[in-house]
């Protein structure tokens, strides 16, 4: 998959096994506005809820959003 713009790797938020509460807490102060007008690729090995959580925040600001787990071509969701 050809990546453009900014890459957001879910695995870099909290390395290791993701648990929902600590993951969301780690992202509480994240500045989502930094993605305004940019194309963002959301990637990483993570549970579906983590993709949905982050995509719902990024999509409010990003010009485009591609979601991929890195194993195949991503899906453009915005």
N, C-alpha and C. Protein backbone atom coordinates (compact mmCIF):
# COMPACT_ATOMS: atom_id res chain seq x y z
N UNK A 1 0.84 -1.19 0.00
CA UNK A 1 0.00 0.00 0.00
C UNK A 1 0.88 1.24 0.00
N UNK A 2 0.58 2.17 -0.85
CA UNK A 2 1.32 3.42 -0.88
C UNK A 2 0.78 4.35 0.20
N UNK A 3 1.64 4.70 1.13
CA UNK A 3 1.22 5.58 2.22
C UNK A 3 1.55 7.01 1.87
N UNK A 4 0.65 7.90 2.20
CA UNK A 4 0.90 9.31 2.00
C UNK A 4 0.51 10.02 3.28
N UNK A 5 1.03 11.19 3.48
CA UNK A 5 0.66 11.97 4.65
C UNK A 5 1.25 11.43 5.93
N UNK A 6 0.44 11.43 6.97
CA UNK A 6 0.88 11.08 8.32
C UNK A 6 0.48 9.65 8.66
N UNK A 7 1.36 8.95 9.36
CA UNK A 7 1.06 7.60 9.81
C UNK A 7 0.79 7.63 11.32
N UNK A 8 -0.31 7.04 11.74
CA UNK A 8 -0.64 6.91 13.16
C UNK A 8 -0.62 5.42 13.47
N UNK A 9 0.37 4.96 14.23
CA UNK A 9 0.54 3.55 14.57
C UNK A 9 -0.07 3.29 15.95
N UNK A 10 -1.14 2.51 15.98
CA UNK A 10 -1.83 2.21 17.24
C UNK A 10 -0.91 1.53 18.25
N UNK A 11 0.02 0.74 17.76
CA UNK A 11 0.94 0.02 18.65
C UNK A 11 1.91 0.92 19.39
N UNK A 12 2.07 2.14 18.92
CA UNK A 12 2.99 3.07 19.58
C UNK A 12 2.34 3.83 20.73
N UNK A 13 1.01 3.76 20.84
CA UNK A 13 0.32 4.45 21.93
C UNK A 13 0.67 3.80 23.26
N UNK A 14 0.45 2.51 23.33
CA UNK A 14 0.80 1.70 24.51
C UNK A 14 1.34 0.37 24.00
N UNK A 15 2.65 0.19 23.97
CA UNK A 15 3.21 -1.07 23.47
C UNK A 15 2.73 -2.25 24.31
N UNK A 16 2.56 -3.39 23.67
CA UNK A 16 2.12 -4.59 24.36
C UNK A 16 0.64 -4.84 24.17
N UNK A 17 0.10 -5.66 25.03
CA UNK A 17 -1.31 -6.01 24.97
C UNK A 17 -2.17 -4.80 25.33
N UNK A 18 -3.04 -4.40 24.42
CA UNK A 18 -3.88 -3.21 24.66
C UNK A 18 -5.10 -3.54 25.50
N UNK A 19 -5.30 -2.71 26.49
CA UNK A 19 -6.53 -2.78 27.28
C UNK A 19 -7.23 -1.45 27.07
N UNK A 20 -8.56 -1.49 26.98
CA UNK A 20 -9.31 -0.33 26.56
C UNK A 20 -9.13 0.90 27.45
N UNK A 21 -9.31 0.76 28.75
CA UNK A 21 -9.23 1.93 29.65
C UNK A 21 -7.86 2.61 29.61
N UNK A 22 -6.74 1.86 29.77
CA UNK A 22 -5.44 2.52 29.71
C UNK A 22 -5.14 3.15 28.34
N UNK A 23 -5.62 2.50 27.27
CA UNK A 23 -5.41 3.03 25.92
C UNK A 23 -6.10 4.37 25.76
N UNK A 24 -7.36 4.43 26.15
CA UNK A 24 -8.11 5.68 26.03
C UNK A 24 -7.52 6.76 26.93
N UNK A 25 -7.07 6.37 28.11
CA UNK A 25 -6.46 7.34 29.03
C UNK A 25 -5.16 7.89 28.44
N UNK A 26 -4.39 7.05 27.77
CA UNK A 26 -3.13 7.49 27.16
C UNK A 26 -3.37 8.52 26.06
N UNK A 27 -4.56 8.47 25.46
CA UNK A 27 -4.87 9.39 24.35
C UNK A 27 -5.70 10.58 24.79
N UNK A 28 -6.01 10.70 26.07
CA UNK A 28 -6.85 11.81 26.56
C UNK A 28 -6.33 13.18 26.15
N UNK A 29 -5.05 13.41 26.31
CA UNK A 29 -4.49 14.72 26.02
C UNK A 29 -3.94 14.86 24.61
N UNK A 30 -4.21 13.86 23.74
CA UNK A 30 -3.66 13.89 22.38
C UNK A 30 -4.28 15.05 21.59
N UNK A 31 -3.46 15.75 20.86
CA UNK A 31 -3.93 16.88 20.04
C UNK A 31 -4.37 16.37 18.67
N UNK A 32 -5.65 16.09 18.53
CA UNK A 32 -6.20 15.56 17.28
C UNK A 32 -6.18 16.61 16.18
N UNK A 33 -6.13 17.88 16.54
CA UNK A 33 -6.15 18.94 15.52
C UNK A 33 -4.88 18.95 14.67
N UNK A 34 -3.83 18.28 15.12
CA UNK A 34 -2.59 18.24 14.33
C UNK A 34 -2.79 17.51 13.00
N UNK A 35 -3.89 16.79 12.85
CA UNK A 35 -4.17 16.06 11.61
C UNK A 35 -5.06 16.84 10.66
N UNK A 36 -5.40 18.07 11.03
CA UNK A 36 -6.29 18.89 10.22
C UNK A 36 -5.76 19.04 8.80
N UNK A 37 -6.61 18.66 7.85
CA UNK A 37 -6.28 18.83 6.44
C UNK A 37 -5.28 17.84 5.88
N UNK A 38 -4.85 16.85 6.66
CA UNK A 38 -3.85 15.90 6.21
C UNK A 38 -4.48 14.55 5.89
N UNK A 39 -3.78 13.78 5.06
CA UNK A 39 -4.15 12.39 4.83
C UNK A 39 -3.47 11.55 5.90
N UNK A 40 -4.22 10.71 6.58
CA UNK A 40 -3.69 9.92 7.68
C UNK A 40 -3.88 8.43 7.39
N UNK A 41 -2.83 7.64 7.61
CA UNK A 41 -2.91 6.19 7.54
C UNK A 41 -2.89 5.68 8.97
N UNK A 42 -3.95 4.99 9.35
CA UNK A 42 -4.10 4.40 10.69
C UNK A 42 -3.71 2.94 10.58
N UNK A 43 -2.67 2.54 11.30
CA UNK A 43 -2.12 1.20 11.17
C UNK A 43 -1.77 0.62 12.53
N UNK A 44 -1.39 -0.64 12.54
CA UNK A 44 -0.95 -1.28 13.77
C UNK A 44 -1.70 -2.57 14.03
N UNK A 45 -1.13 -3.36 14.89
CA UNK A 45 -1.76 -4.61 15.31
C UNK A 45 -2.53 -4.30 16.59
N UNK A 46 -3.85 -4.17 16.49
CA UNK A 46 -4.66 -3.75 17.63
C UNK A 46 -6.08 -4.28 17.46
N UNK A 47 -6.82 -4.34 18.56
CA UNK A 47 -8.21 -4.77 18.47
C UNK A 47 -9.06 -3.76 17.69
N UNK A 48 -10.16 -4.22 17.16
CA UNK A 48 -11.04 -3.37 16.36
C UNK A 48 -11.47 -2.12 17.11
N UNK A 49 -11.77 -2.23 18.40
CA UNK A 49 -12.24 -1.06 19.16
C UNK A 49 -11.21 0.06 19.15
N UNK A 50 -9.92 -0.28 19.12
CA UNK A 50 -8.86 0.74 19.11
C UNK A 50 -8.87 1.50 17.78
N UNK A 51 -9.06 0.77 16.68
CA UNK A 51 -9.16 1.42 15.37
C UNK A 51 -10.36 2.37 15.34
N UNK A 52 -11.50 1.89 15.82
CA UNK A 52 -12.73 2.69 15.80
C UNK A 52 -12.56 3.94 16.66
N UNK A 53 -11.99 3.79 17.84
CA UNK A 53 -11.80 4.91 18.75
C UNK A 53 -10.93 6.00 18.11
N UNK A 54 -9.78 5.61 17.61
CA UNK A 54 -8.84 6.58 17.03
C UNK A 54 -9.39 7.15 15.71
N UNK A 55 -9.96 6.30 14.87
CA UNK A 55 -10.51 6.78 13.59
C UNK A 55 -11.60 7.81 13.82
N UNK A 56 -12.43 7.61 14.84
CA UNK A 56 -13.51 8.56 15.09
C UNK A 56 -12.99 9.92 15.52
N UNK A 57 -11.82 9.96 16.14
CA UNK A 57 -11.23 11.25 16.54
C UNK A 57 -10.49 11.90 15.39
N UNK A 58 -9.70 11.10 14.65
CA UNK A 58 -8.92 11.64 13.54
C UNK A 58 -9.83 12.12 12.41
N UNK A 59 -10.89 11.38 12.12
CA UNK A 59 -11.77 11.70 10.99
C UNK A 59 -12.39 13.08 11.10
N UNK A 60 -12.53 13.60 12.30
CA UNK A 60 -13.10 14.94 12.49
C UNK A 60 -12.19 16.03 11.92
N UNK A 61 -10.92 15.72 11.75
CA UNK A 61 -9.94 16.73 11.36
C UNK A 61 -9.23 16.42 10.04
N UNK A 62 -8.99 15.15 9.75
CA UNK A 62 -8.18 14.75 8.60
C UNK A 62 -8.92 14.97 7.28
N UNK A 63 -8.14 15.24 6.24
CA UNK A 63 -8.71 15.35 4.89
C UNK A 63 -9.04 13.96 4.36
N UNK A 64 -8.23 12.98 4.70
CA UNK A 64 -8.44 11.60 4.27
C UNK A 64 -7.96 10.64 5.33
N UNK A 65 -8.55 9.45 5.36
CA UNK A 65 -8.18 8.45 6.36
C UNK A 65 -8.19 7.07 5.74
N UNK A 66 -7.05 6.39 5.83
CA UNK A 66 -6.92 5.02 5.36
C UNK A 66 -6.63 4.16 6.58
N UNK A 67 -7.37 3.04 6.71
CA UNK A 67 -7.18 2.13 7.83
C UNK A 67 -6.60 0.83 7.30
N UNK A 68 -5.52 0.35 7.94
CA UNK A 68 -4.88 -0.90 7.54
C UNK A 68 -4.24 -1.57 8.75
N UNK A 69 -4.19 -2.89 8.71
CA UNK A 69 -3.46 -3.60 9.75
C UNK A 69 -2.05 -3.94 9.28
N UNK A 70 -1.72 -3.46 8.10
CA UNK A 70 -0.38 -3.66 7.55
C UNK A 70 -0.22 -4.94 6.75
N UNK A 71 -1.20 -5.85 6.80
CA UNK A 71 -1.08 -7.12 6.12
C UNK A 71 -1.64 -7.09 4.70
N UNK A 72 -2.43 -6.08 4.40
CA UNK A 72 -3.01 -5.96 3.06
C UNK A 72 -3.27 -4.49 2.77
N UNK A 73 -3.74 -4.24 1.57
CA UNK A 73 -4.02 -2.85 1.20
C UNK A 73 -5.08 -2.28 2.13
N UNK A 74 -4.90 -1.05 2.51
CA UNK A 74 -5.82 -0.41 3.44
C UNK A 74 -7.15 -0.05 2.82
N UNK A 75 -8.07 0.35 3.67
CA UNK A 75 -9.39 0.75 3.25
C UNK A 75 -9.54 2.24 3.51
N UNK A 76 -9.88 3.00 2.46
CA UNK A 76 -10.10 4.43 2.63
C UNK A 76 -11.46 4.61 3.25
N UNK A 77 -11.49 5.23 4.44
CA UNK A 77 -12.76 5.44 5.13
C UNK A 77 -13.20 6.91 5.08
N UNK A 78 -12.32 7.75 4.62
CA UNK A 78 -12.67 9.15 4.44
C UNK A 78 -11.86 9.72 3.31
